[in-house]
Amino acid sequence: MSLFSFTLIFAMAALSICLVLIGIRFALGPTLPDRITCFDMFVSNIIGIVAIYTELTGNHDFIDVAIILSLFGFLGSISFAYYLMKSTR
């Protein structure tokens, strides 16, 4: 195992721990903007895990999955922001 592979595995473990902490914050978040921020961080961490998995396996077809996931995350953030804007008026 090379140093690069070890670093990628360590990064994937760190992102997995961050996902657990984000899930806890999502459950405990007192307001809707806290939960929206957690949703954005969750999507970003999943994209990072997909990118690391792509590099570890050498199968570059998963990059398309990460791109589509980033699009869904962006659209979700925009829709939540639109909902917050409409509900505060």
C-alpha atoms as a PDB file:
ATOM      1  CA  MET A   1       0.000   0.000   0.000  1.00  0.00           C
ATOM      2  CA  SER A   2       1.432   3.325  -1.018  1.00  0.00           C
ATOM      3  CA  LEU A   3       1.403   6.490   1.021  1.00  0.00           C
ATOM      4  CA  PHE A   4      -1.123   8.003  -1.389  1.00  0.00           C
ATOM      5  CA  SER A   5      -3.577   5.133  -0.874  1.00  0.00           C
ATOM      6  CA  PHE A   6      -3.162   5.369   2.879  1.00  0.00           C
ATOM      7  CA  THR A   7      -3.858   9.105   2.730  1.00  0.00           C
ATOM      8  CA  LEU A   8      -6.999   8.541   0.663  1.00  0.00           C
ATOM      9  CA  ILE A   9      -8.283   5.930   3.102  1.00  0.00           C
ATOM     10  CA  PHE A  10      -7.559   8.259   6.022  1.00  0.00           C
ATOM     11  CA  ALA A  11      -9.414  11.087   4.254  1.00  0.00           C
ATOM     12  CA  MET A  12     -12.399   8.822   3.607  1.00  0.00           C
ATOM     13  CA  ALA A  13     -12.491   7.832   7.278  1.00  0.00           C
ATOM     14  CA  ALA A  14     -12.313  11.487   8.327  1.00  0.00           C
ATOM     15  CA  LEU A  15     -15.165  12.408   5.979  1.00  0.00           C
ATOM     16  CA  SER A  16     -17.211   9.498   7.333  1.00  0.00           C
ATOM     17  CA  ILE A  17     -16.747  10.766  10.879  1.00  0.00           C
ATOM     18  CA  CYS A  18     -17.769  14.223   9.686  1.00  0.00           C
ATOM     19  CA  LEU A  19     -20.932  12.725   8.167  1.00  0.00           C
ATOM     20  CA  VAL A  20     -21.891  11.261  11.531  1.00  0.00           C
ATOM     21  CA  LEU A  21     -21.314  14.608  13.249  1.00  0.00           C
ATOM     22  CA  ILE A  22     -23.305  16.410  10.560  1.00  0.00           C
ATOM     23  CA  GLY A  23     -26.164  13.943  11.043  1.00  0.00           C
ATOM     24  CA  ILE A  24     -26.180  14.682  14.763  1.00  0.00           C
ATOM     25  CA  ARG A  25     -26.179  18.415  14.110  1.00  0.00           C
ATOM     26  CA  PHE A  26     -28.987  17.964  11.587  1.00  0.00           C
ATOM     27  CA  ALA A  27     -31.089  16.153  14.190  1.00  0.00           C
ATOM     28  CA  LEU A  28     -30.356  18.682  16.941  1.00  0.00           C
ATOM     29  CA  GLY A  29     -30.384  21.846  14.839  1.00  0.00           C
ATOM     30  CA  PRO A  30     -32.871  24.208  16.435  1.00  0.00           C
ATOM     31  CA  THR A  31     -33.716  26.205  13.316  1.00  0.00           C
ATOM     32  CA  LEU A  32     -34.345  25.512   9.670  1.00  0.00           C
ATOM     33  CA  PRO A  33     -31.261  27.454   8.446  1.00  0.00           C
ATOM     34  CA  ASP A  34     -29.091  25.184  10.630  1.00  0.00           C
ATOM     35  CA  ARG A  35     -30.585  22.162   8.940  1.00  0.00           C
ATOM     36  CA  ILE A  36     -30.115  23.683   5.482  1.00  0.00           C
ATOM     37  CA  THR A  37     -26.453  24.283   6.240  1.00  0.00           C
ATOM     38  CA  CYS A  38     -26.131  20.688   7.415  1.00  0.00           C
ATOM     39  CA  PHE A  39     -27.731  19.531   4.174  1.00  0.00           C
ATOM     40  CA  ASP A  40     -25.141  21.481   2.171  1.00  0.00           C
ATOM     41  CA  MET A  41     -22.281  20.059   4.209  1.00  0.00           C
ATOM     42  CA  PHE A  42     -23.727  16.548   3.890  1.00  0.00           C
ATOM     43  CA  VAL A  43     -23.846  16.807   0.091  1.00  0.00           C
ATOM     44  CA  SER A  44     -20.321  18.219  -0.019  1.00  0.00           C
ATOM     45  CA  ASN A  45     -18.967  15.382   2.109  1.00  0.00           C
ATOM     46  CA  ILE A  46     -20.693  12.765  -0.033  1.00  0.00           C
ATOM     47  CA  ILE A  47     -19.156  14.344  -3.151  1.00  0.00           C
ATOM     48  CA  GLY A  48     -15.743  14.155  -1.491  1.00  0.00           C
ATOM     49  CA  ILE A  49     -16.249  10.503  -0.568  1.00  0.00           C
ATOM     50  CA  VAL A  50     -17.315   9.692  -4.134  1.00  0.00           C
ATOM     51  CA  ALA A  51     -14.236  11.474  -5.507  1.00  0.00           C
ATOM     52  CA  ILE A  52     -11.924   9.583  -3.134  1.00  0.00           C
ATOM     53  CA  TYR A  53     -13.607   6.275  -3.969  1.00  0.00           C
ATOM     54  CA  THR A  54     -13.170   7.033  -7.661  1.00  0.00           C
ATOM     55  CA  GLU A  55      -9.445   7.566  -7.178  1.00  0.00           C
ATOM     56  CA  LEU A  56      -9.051   4.456  -5.023  1.00  0.00           C
ATOM     57  CA  THR A  57     -10.821   2.123  -7.428  1.00  0.00           C
ATOM     58  CA  GLY A  58      -9.641   3.729 -10.651  1.00  0.00           C
ATOM     59  CA  ASN A  59     -13.174   3.604 -12.047  1.00  0.00           C
ATOM     60  CA  HIS A  60     -13.720   7.114 -13.367  1.00  0.00           C
ATOM     61  CA  ASP A  61     -17.407   6.586 -14.130  1.00  0.00           C
ATOM     62  CA  PHE A  62     -18.287   7.729 -10.613  1.00  0.00           C
ATOM     63  CA  ILE A  63     -17.178  11.285 -11.354  1.00  0.00           C
ATOM     64  CA  ASP A  64     -20.453  11.689 -13.265  1.00  0.00           C
ATOM     65  CA  VAL A  65     -22.306  10.695 -10.098  1.00  0.00           C
ATOM     66  CA  ALA A  66     -20.452  13.381  -8.135  1.00  0.00           C
ATOM     67  CA  ILE A  67     -21.289  16.011 -10.756  1.00  0.00           C
ATOM     68  CA  ILE A  68     -24.983  15.108 -10.733  1.00  0.00           C
ATOM     69  CA  LEU A  69     -24.993  15.042  -6.927  1.00  0.00           C
ATOM     70  CA  SER A  70     -23.484  18.527  -6.839  1.00  0.00           C
ATOM     71  CA  LEU A  71     -26.246  19.719  -9.162  1.00  0.00           C
ATOM     72  CA  PHE A  72     -28.936  18.241  -6.895  1.00  0.00           C
ATOM     73  CA  GLY A  73     -27.267  19.799  -3.853  1.00  0.00           C
ATOM     74  CA  PHE A  74     -27.213  23.196  -5.525  1.00  0.00           C
ATOM     75  CA  LEU A  75     -30.856  22.955  -6.561  1.00  0.00           C
ATOM     76  CA  GLY A  76     -31.805  21.833  -3.057  1.00  0.00           C
ATOM     77  CA  SER A  77     -30.022  24.804  -1.517  1.00  0.00           C
ATOM     78  CA  ILE A  78     -31.686  27.206  -3.907  1.00  0.00           C
ATOM     79  CA  SER A  79     -35.130  25.741  -3.223  1.00  0.00           C
ATOM     80  CA  PHE A  80     -34.606  25.946   0.550  1.00  0.00           C
ATOM     81  CA  ALA A  81     -33.455  29.557   0.231  1.00  0.00           C
ATOM     82  CA  TYR A  82     -36.510  30.371  -1.881  1.00  0.00           C
ATOM     83  CA  TYR A  83     -38.757  28.724   0.721  1.00  0.00           C
ATOM     84  CA  LEU A  84     -37.144  30.736   3.532  1.00  0.00           C
ATOM     85  CA  MET A  85     -37.499  33.926   1.549  1.00  0.00           C
ATOM     86  CA  LYS A  86     -41.198  33.267   0.898  1.00  0.00           C
ATOM     87  CA  SER A  87     -41.967  32.192   4.473  1.00  0.00           C
ATOM     88  CA  THR A  88     -40.453  35.301   6.074  1.00  0.00           C
ATOM     89  CA  ARG A  89     -42.632  37.714   4.092  1.00  0.00           C
END
